[in-house]
N, C-alpha and C. Protein backbone atom coordinates (compact mmCIF):
# COMPACT_ATOMS: atom_id res chain seq x y z
N MET A 1 -32.78 14.01 -22.24
CA MET A 1 -31.38 13.33 -22.74
C MET A 1 -30.75 13.97 -23.44
N TYR A 2 -30.20 14.88 -23.21
CA TYR A 2 -29.39 15.44 -25.22
C TYR A 2 -28.75 14.74 -25.97
N GLN A 3 -29.16 15.55 -27.13
CA GLN A 3 -28.36 15.19 -28.55
C GLN A 3 -27.81 15.85 -28.45
N LEU A 4 -26.71 14.75 -29.91
CA LEU A 4 -26.03 14.76 -29.67
C LEU A 4 -25.33 16.69 -30.33
N GLU A 5 -26.57 17.39 -31.51
CA GLU A 5 -25.65 17.91 -31.44
C GLU A 5 -26.38 19.98 -30.75
N GLN A 6 -26.54 19.42 -29.50
CA GLN A 6 -27.13 20.55 -28.35
C GLN A 6 -25.94 20.56 -27.75
N LEU A 7 -24.87 19.80 -27.56
CA LEU A 7 -23.30 19.72 -27.00
C LEU A 7 -23.08 21.00 -27.59
N PRO A 8 -22.23 21.07 -28.92
CA PRO A 8 -21.15 22.37 -28.68
C PRO A 8 -22.37 23.46 -28.12
N LEU A 9 -23.31 23.50 -28.53
CA LEU A 9 -24.24 24.86 -28.07
C LEU A 9 -23.66 25.09 -26.45
N VAL A 10 -23.89 24.49 -26.04
CA VAL A 10 -24.02 24.08 -24.55
C VAL A 10 -22.19 24.56 -24.41
N HIS A 11 -21.23 23.98 -25.12
CA HIS A 11 -19.99 23.89 -24.33
C HIS A 11 -19.58 25.65 -24.84
N SER A 12 -20.07 25.62 -26.33
CA SER A 12 -19.91 27.35 -26.34
C SER A 12 -20.10 28.87 -25.16
N LEU A 13 -21.08 28.33 -24.38
CA LEU A 13 -22.15 28.71 -23.30
C LEU A 13 -20.57 28.71 -22.60
N LEU A 14 -20.25 28.10 -21.87
CA LEU A 14 -19.50 28.00 -20.50
C LEU A 14 -17.65 28.04 -21.02
N ALA A 15 -17.73 28.09 -22.09
CA ALA A 15 -16.28 28.40 -23.46
C ALA A 15 -15.68 30.10 -21.99
N PRO A 16 -14.12 30.16 -21.97
CA PRO A 16 -13.81 31.36 -21.01
C PRO A 16 -14.06 32.46 -22.41
N VAL A 17 -14.39 33.70 -21.74
CA VAL A 17 -14.59 35.06 -22.62
C VAL A 17 -13.38 35.35 -23.06
N PRO A 18 -12.89 36.04 -23.85
CA PRO A 18 -11.43 36.31 -24.09
C PRO A 18 -11.45 37.75 -23.35
N LEU A 19 -10.40 38.64 -22.73
CA LEU A 19 -10.23 39.34 -21.91
C LEU A 19 -10.68 40.77 -23.39
N ILE A 20 -11.39 42.01 -22.69
CA ILE A 20 -11.63 42.67 -23.64
C ILE A 20 -10.34 44.50 -23.68
N ASP A 21 -9.88 44.77 -24.35
CA ASP A 21 -9.08 45.36 -24.70
C ASP A 21 -9.81 46.91 -23.70
N THR A 22 -9.12 47.15 -22.98
CA THR A 22 -10.09 48.25 -22.13
C THR A 22 -8.34 49.75 -21.50
N SER A 23 -7.61 49.54 -21.84
CA SER A 23 -6.99 50.34 -22.39
C SER A 23 -7.35 52.09 -22.99
N TRP A 24 -7.94 52.29 -23.83
CA TRP A 24 -8.19 53.47 -24.29
C TRP A 24 -9.00 54.24 -23.20
N HIS A 25 -9.75 53.29 -22.35
CA HIS A 25 -10.33 54.11 -20.85
C HIS A 25 -9.67 55.37 -20.22
N SER A 26 -7.85 55.02 -20.37
CA SER A 26 -7.27 56.27 -19.67
C SER A 26 -7.40 57.50 -20.84
N TYR A 27 -8.02 56.98 -21.36
CA TYR A 27 -8.16 58.62 -22.57
C TYR A 27 -9.35 59.23 -22.37
N VAL A 28 -10.59 59.16 -21.70
CA VAL A 28 -11.96 59.04 -21.85
C VAL A 28 -11.76 60.29 -20.31
N ARG A 29 -12.43 62.25 -21.04
CA ARG A 29 -11.63 62.64 -20.13
C ARG A 29 -13.16 62.82 -19.32
N ALA A 30 -13.75 62.29 -18.84
CA ALA A 30 -15.55 62.45 -17.93
C ALA A 30 -15.69 62.60 -16.73
N PRO A 31 -16.05 62.62 -15.89
CA PRO A 31 -15.75 63.32 -14.72
C PRO A 31 -16.55 61.90 -14.33
N ASN A 32 -16.13 61.57 -13.04
CA ASN A 32 -16.37 60.04 -12.31
C ASN A 32 -18.27 60.03 -12.17
N SER A 33 -18.91 60.62 -12.07
CA SER A 33 -20.35 60.98 -11.12
C SER A 33 -20.21 61.31 -12.38
N SER A 34 -21.88 60.68 -12.86
CA SER A 34 -23.08 61.06 -13.38
C SER A 34 -23.23 63.06 -13.34
N ILE A 35 -23.67 63.45 -11.73
CA ILE A 35 -23.99 64.25 -11.19
C ILE A 35 -22.75 65.01 -10.90
N ILE A 36 -22.42 65.99 -11.75
CA ILE A 36 -21.18 66.79 -11.47
C ILE A 36 -21.22 68.43 -10.71
N TYR A 37 -20.08 69.31 -10.04
CA TYR A 37 -20.70 70.36 -9.79
C TYR A 37 -19.62 70.73 -10.05
N PRO A 38 -19.93 72.77 -10.41
CA PRO A 38 -18.70 73.29 -10.83
C PRO A 38 -17.03 72.93 -9.60
N ALA A 39 -16.27 73.21 -10.75
CA ALA A 39 -15.02 73.23 -10.31
C ALA A 39 -14.30 74.52 -9.35
N ARG A 40 -15.30 75.31 -9.41
CA ARG A 40 -14.35 76.72 -9.13
C ARG A 40 -15.51 77.64 -9.44
N ILE A 41 -15.37 78.89 -8.70
CA ILE A 41 -16.40 80.64 -8.91
C ILE A 41 -15.75 81.16 -8.92
N ILE A 42 -15.57 81.45 -10.63
CA ILE A 42 -15.11 82.61 -11.53
C ILE A 42 -15.16 83.95 -11.21
N ASN A 43 -16.98 84.51 -10.19
CA ASN A 43 -16.98 85.78 -10.23
C ASN A 43 -18.00 86.09 -9.53
N THR A 44 -18.80 86.78 -8.66
CA THR A 44 -19.96 86.82 -8.58
C THR A 44 -20.55 88.15 -8.57
N ALA A 45 -21.78 88.84 -8.99
CA ALA A 45 -22.10 90.16 -8.74
C ALA A 45 -23.37 90.74 -8.59
N GLY A 46 -22.86 91.67 -8.06
CA GLY A 46 -24.16 91.57 -6.64
C GLY A 46 -24.70 91.48 -5.51
N ASN A 47 -25.95 90.99 -4.79
CA ASN A 47 -25.93 90.39 -3.79
C ASN A 47 -26.15 88.77 -4.10
N VAL A 48 -24.99 88.30 -3.44
CA VAL A 48 -24.42 87.21 -3.53
C VAL A 48 -23.75 86.38 -2.16
N THR A 49 -24.70 85.94 -1.30
CA THR A 49 -23.93 85.24 -0.43
C THR A 49 -23.80 83.67 -1.01
N GLY A 50 -23.29 82.51 0.42
CA GLY A 50 -23.04 80.92 -0.24
C GLY A 50 -22.60 81.26 -1.78
N ALA A 51 -22.05 81.57 -1.81
CA ALA A 51 -21.91 81.27 -4.21
C ALA A 51 -20.63 79.71 -3.79
N ASP A 52 -20.00 79.61 -2.88
CA ASP A 52 -18.95 78.31 -2.87
C ASP A 52 -19.68 77.42 -2.41
N ASN A 53 -20.74 76.79 -2.10
CA ASN A 53 -22.08 75.84 -1.91
C ASN A 53 -22.29 75.14 -3.40
N LEU A 54 -22.51 75.72 -3.99
CA LEU A 54 -21.91 75.52 -5.37
C LEU A 54 -21.90 74.25 -5.42
N LEU A 55 -20.13 74.53 -4.96
CA LEU A 55 -19.24 73.38 -5.11
C LEU A 55 -18.88 71.85 -4.72
N LEU A 56 -20.01 72.05 -3.89
CA LEU A 56 -20.11 70.68 -3.04
C LEU A 56 -21.87 70.14 -3.28
N PRO A 57 -21.75 68.55 -2.75
CA PRO A 57 -23.26 68.66 -2.75
C PRO A 57 -23.63 69.08 -0.84
N GLY A 58 -24.92 69.01 -1.13
CA GLY A 58 -24.99 69.03 0.57
C GLY A 58 -26.30 70.23 1.00
N ASP A 59 -26.98 70.28 1.84
CA ASP A 59 -27.73 71.40 2.52
C ASP A 59 -27.39 72.65 2.20
N ALA A 60 -26.39 73.46 2.28
CA ALA A 60 -26.51 74.53 2.41
C ALA A 60 -26.88 75.34 0.80
N PHE A 61 -26.78 76.38 1.37
CA PHE A 61 -27.31 77.38 0.52
C PHE A 61 -26.76 78.46 -0.49
N THR A 62 -26.72 78.91 -1.68
CA THR A 62 -26.74 79.94 -2.36
C THR A 62 -27.65 81.02 -2.44
N THR A 63 -27.40 81.92 -2.16
CA THR A 63 -29.01 83.24 -2.13
C THR A 63 -28.34 84.35 -2.84
N LEU A 64 -29.29 84.43 -3.92
CA LEU A 64 -29.05 86.20 -4.77
C LEU A 64 -29.93 86.95 -4.81
N SER A 65 -29.98 87.31 -3.85
CA SER A 65 -31.50 88.87 -4.17
C SER A 65 -30.97 90.15 -4.37
N ARG A 66 -32.47 90.39 -5.61
CA ARG A 66 -32.20 92.14 -5.37
C ARG A 66 -33.12 93.53 -4.64
N LEU A 67 -32.28 94.44 -3.98
CA LEU A 67 -33.88 94.84 -2.72
C LEU A 67 -34.76 96.01 -4.37
N SER A 68 -34.12 96.04 -4.91
CA SER A 68 -34.88 97.00 -5.73
C SER A 68 -34.40 96.54 -7.21
N THR A 69 -35.06 97.59 -8.14
CA THR A 69 -34.97 96.99 -10.04
C THR A 69 -33.27 98.17 -9.97
N SER A 70 -33.17 98.99 -8.87
CA SER A 70 -32.08 99.72 -9.42
C SER A 70 -30.98 99.28 -8.80
N SER A 71 -31.18 98.42 -8.02
CA SER A 71 -29.79 97.77 -7.38
C SER A 71 -29.01 96.89 -8.83
N GLU A 72 -27.77 95.98 -8.62
CA GLU A 72 -26.80 95.41 -9.07
C GLU A 72 -27.90 93.74 -9.73
N ILE A 73 -27.91 93.45 -11.06
CA ILE A 73 -28.85 92.54 -11.24
C ILE A 73 -27.18 91.24 -9.95
N PRO A 74 -28.11 90.43 -9.83
CA PRO A 74 -27.03 89.87 -9.28
C PRO A 74 -27.35 87.96 -10.03
N GLY A 75 -25.59 87.61 -10.01
CA GLY A 75 -25.02 86.45 -10.64
C GLY A 75 -23.80 86.06 -10.21
N ILE A 76 -23.54 84.92 -10.86
CA ILE A 76 -22.50 83.77 -10.65
C ILE A 76 -22.12 83.51 -11.80
N VAL A 77 -21.19 83.21 -11.75
CA VAL A 77 -19.90 82.90 -12.61
C VAL A 77 -19.29 81.46 -12.37
N VAL A 78 -19.48 80.26 -13.20
CA VAL A 78 -18.98 79.00 -12.47
C VAL A 78 -17.92 77.99 -13.06
N ASP A 79 -17.43 76.52 -13.70
CA ASP A 79 -16.50 77.12 -14.35
C ASP A 79 -15.99 74.80 -13.70
N PHE A 80 -16.54 74.55 -14.81
CA PHE A 80 -16.86 72.55 -14.58
C PHE A 80 -15.10 72.63 -14.56
N GLY A 81 -13.77 73.04 -14.72
CA GLY A 81 -12.94 72.85 -15.28
C GLY A 81 -12.97 72.28 -16.92
N GLN A 82 -13.98 71.43 -17.63
CA GLN A 82 -13.48 70.51 -18.64
C GLN A 82 -15.05 70.60 -19.32
N ASN A 83 -15.17 70.40 -19.81
CA ASN A 83 -16.63 70.68 -21.59
C ASN A 83 -17.20 69.36 -20.58
N VAL A 84 -19.02 69.82 -20.77
CA VAL A 84 -19.39 68.88 -20.37
C VAL A 84 -20.58 68.69 -20.95
N VAL A 85 -21.57 67.02 -20.93
CA VAL A 85 -22.42 67.28 -21.57
C VAL A 85 -23.57 66.65 -20.69
N GLY A 86 -24.55 67.50 -20.97
CA GLY A 86 -26.27 67.42 -19.73
C GLY A 86 -27.30 68.35 -19.90
N TYR A 87 -27.60 68.73 -18.93
CA TYR A 87 -27.96 69.47 -18.60
C TYR A 87 -28.79 69.90 -17.03
N PRO A 88 -28.56 71.25 -17.01
CA PRO A 88 -28.14 71.95 -15.72
C PRO A 88 -29.59 71.47 -14.37
N ILE A 89 -29.12 71.00 -12.88
CA ILE A 89 -30.45 70.96 -12.61
C ILE A 89 -30.38 72.58 -11.60
N PHE A 90 -31.61 73.07 -11.16
CA PHE A 90 -31.41 74.26 -9.92
C PHE A 90 -32.69 73.20 -9.71
N SER A 91 -32.27 74.15 -7.62
CA SER A 91 -33.42 73.47 -7.15
C SER A 91 -33.51 74.83 -5.64
N PHE A 92 -34.74 74.45 -6.02
CA PHE A 92 -35.26 76.33 -5.71
C PHE A 92 -35.68 76.15 -3.84
N THR A 93 -35.72 76.90 -3.29
CA THR A 93 -36.23 76.65 -1.39
C THR A 93 -37.39 77.75 -1.64
N GLY A 94 -36.74 78.36 -2.05
CA GLY A 94 -37.93 79.83 -1.62
C GLY A 94 -37.47 81.27 -2.99
N ALA A 95 -38.48 82.44 -3.32
CA ALA A 95 -38.82 83.22 -3.65
C ALA A 95 -39.20 84.44 -3.56
N SER A 96 -38.75 85.49 -3.74
CA SER A 96 -39.69 86.69 -3.74
C SER A 96 -41.37 86.46 -3.95
N GLU A 97 -41.91 86.79 -3.83
CA GLU A 97 -42.95 86.88 -4.14
C GLU A 97 -43.20 88.07 -5.20
N ASN A 98 -42.43 88.95 -6.07
CA ASN A 98 -42.38 89.37 -7.35
C ASN A 98 -41.75 88.94 -8.69
N TYR A 99 -41.63 87.37 -8.33
CA TYR A 99 -41.78 86.63 -9.53
C TYR A 99 -40.24 86.39 -9.92
N PRO A 100 -39.65 86.18 -9.39
CA PRO A 100 -38.13 86.23 -9.93
C PRO A 100 -37.29 85.11 -10.83
N GLY A 101 -37.31 85.32 -11.55
CA GLY A 101 -36.35 84.32 -12.77
C GLY A 101 -35.08 84.03 -12.65
N ILE A 102 -34.93 83.35 -13.57
CA ILE A 102 -33.02 82.96 -14.05
C ILE A 102 -32.99 82.91 -15.51
N ARG A 103 -32.08 83.15 -15.26
CA ARG A 103 -31.03 82.99 -16.96
C ARG A 103 -30.11 82.09 -16.50
N VAL A 104 -29.39 81.43 -17.93
CA VAL A 104 -28.62 80.52 -17.67
C VAL A 104 -27.69 81.46 -19.03
N ALA A 105 -26.77 80.82 -18.91
CA ALA A 105 -25.49 81.38 -20.64
C ALA A 105 -24.52 80.00 -20.45
N PHE A 106 -24.20 79.36 -21.37
CA PHE A 106 -23.34 79.19 -21.37
C PHE A 106 -22.15 79.32 -21.99
N SER A 107 -20.59 79.53 -22.34
CA SER A 107 -19.51 79.29 -23.37
C SER A 107 -18.54 78.25 -22.73
N GLU A 108 -17.59 78.21 -23.71
CA GLU A 108 -16.79 77.57 -23.67
C GLU A 108 -15.00 78.29 -23.06
N THR A 109 -15.58 79.81 -23.35
CA THR A 109 -14.26 80.42 -23.06
C THR A 109 -15.38 81.52 -22.22
N ILE A 110 -14.67 82.55 -21.04
CA ILE A 110 -14.51 83.95 -20.67
C ILE A 110 -15.18 84.63 -21.09
N GLU A 111 -14.55 85.14 -22.76
CA GLU A 111 -14.37 86.00 -24.05
C GLU A 111 -15.87 86.55 -23.81
N TYR A 112 -16.99 84.51 -24.71
CA TYR A 112 -17.94 85.02 -25.12
C TYR A 112 -19.23 84.57 -24.01
N LEU A 113 -19.05 84.56 -23.01
CA LEU A 113 -19.78 84.23 -21.89
C LEU A 113 -20.57 85.48 -21.67
N SER A 114 -22.00 85.43 -21.56
CA SER A 114 -23.33 86.81 -21.39
C SER A 114 -24.27 86.25 -20.84
N ASP A 115 -24.64 87.24 -20.13
CA ASP A 115 -26.27 86.60 -19.90
C ASP A 115 -27.07 86.29 -20.59
N VAL A 116 -26.65 86.48 -22.26
CA VAL A 116 -27.11 85.26 -22.82
C VAL A 116 -26.74 84.46 -23.81
N SER A 117 -27.32 83.53 -24.31
CA SER A 117 -26.39 82.25 -24.34
C SER A 117 -26.82 81.81 -25.67
N ASP A 118 -26.83 81.07 -26.61
CA ASP A 118 -27.34 81.08 -28.01
C ASP A 118 -28.76 80.46 -28.27
N PHE A 119 -28.99 80.07 -27.39
CA PHE A 119 -30.38 79.07 -27.53
C PHE A 119 -30.75 79.18 -25.80
N SER A 120 -30.83 80.74 -25.54
CA SER A 120 -30.97 80.65 -24.03
C SER A 120 -32.86 81.11 -23.68
N ARG A 121 -33.14 81.69 -24.47
CA ARG A 121 -34.50 82.13 -24.59
C ARG A 121 -34.88 83.22 -23.70
N SER A 122 -32.73 84.30 -23.63
CA SER A 122 -32.94 85.49 -22.67
C SER A 122 -33.61 86.61 -23.34
N TYR A 123 -34.27 86.20 -24.55
CA TYR A 123 -35.10 87.58 -24.52
C TYR A 123 -36.78 87.44 -24.30
N ASN A 124 -36.43 86.53 -24.25
CA ASN A 124 -38.26 86.37 -23.97
C ASN A 124 -38.42 86.18 -22.95
N VAL A 125 -38.15 86.72 -21.56
CA VAL A 125 -38.16 86.62 -20.29
C VAL A 125 -39.01 87.70 -19.71
N SER A 126 -39.59 87.60 -18.65
CA SER A 126 -40.53 89.14 -18.38
C SER A 126 -39.28 89.60 -17.83
N VAL A 127 -39.86 91.21 -18.37
CA VAL A 127 -39.08 92.61 -17.15
C VAL A 127 -38.74 92.30 -16.30
N GLY A 128 -39.16 91.04 -14.79
CA GLY A 128 -39.00 90.80 -13.75
C GLY A 128 -37.86 90.00 -13.64
N CYS A 129 -37.58 89.25 -14.58
CA CYS A 129 -36.32 88.84 -14.24
C CYS A 129 -34.68 88.96 -13.48
N ASN A 130 -34.14 88.62 -12.41
CA ASN A 130 -32.78 89.40 -11.97
C ASN A 130 -31.78 87.98 -10.99
N LEU A 131 -32.56 87.01 -12.21
CA LEU A 131 -31.41 86.27 -11.68
C LEU A 131 -30.92 85.45 -12.67
N VAL A 132 -29.56 86.03 -12.19
CA VAL A 132 -28.44 85.22 -13.37
C VAL A 132 -27.51 84.32 -13.55
N TYR A 133 -26.77 83.33 -13.91
CA TYR A 133 -25.89 81.92 -14.06
C TYR A 133 -25.56 81.95 -15.04
N ALA A 134 -23.99 82.15 -15.28
CA ALA A 134 -23.37 82.10 -16.49
C ALA A 134 -22.24 80.90 -15.86
N ILE A 135 -22.56 80.28 -17.01
CA ILE A 135 -21.62 78.77 -16.55
C ILE A 135 -20.84 79.11 -17.48
N LEU A 136 -19.57 78.58 -17.35
CA LEU A 136 -18.32 78.44 -18.08
C LEU A 136 -17.81 76.83 -18.25
N LEU A 137 -18.02 77.04 -19.73
CA LEU A 137 -16.81 75.31 -19.46
C LEU A 137 -15.64 74.88 -20.65
N THR A 138 -14.89 74.72 -19.54
CA THR A 138 -13.45 74.82 -19.97
C THR A 138 -12.94 73.62 -20.16
């Protein structure tokens, strides 16, 4: 049997919940998913095939290759179309035996985008590093 002083507690749990104002949600500029892909490819350099495969999920490959040290270093500049927060995920299916590397740089404008980022440690990689991803956040 319930005591009289317990009834208000039970009643408050069953009371209707006031509606929460969510009108501000329309002003949030955020992706629809926690996994996002670039909106477009700005440009490529060197021997790059399948760069557009980076724009959508799937099993298609993007290949960056450099046949010799005198060849142009391959690179891809992608644009996410808006400022995004998070960390990049790169999946590799194979690599040559000469220990290729990857460097990633970020910028909000193309003017300041290079293969060296604020804190990418680009100067601390071995000489054999020959892949460059540059990501433009606009």
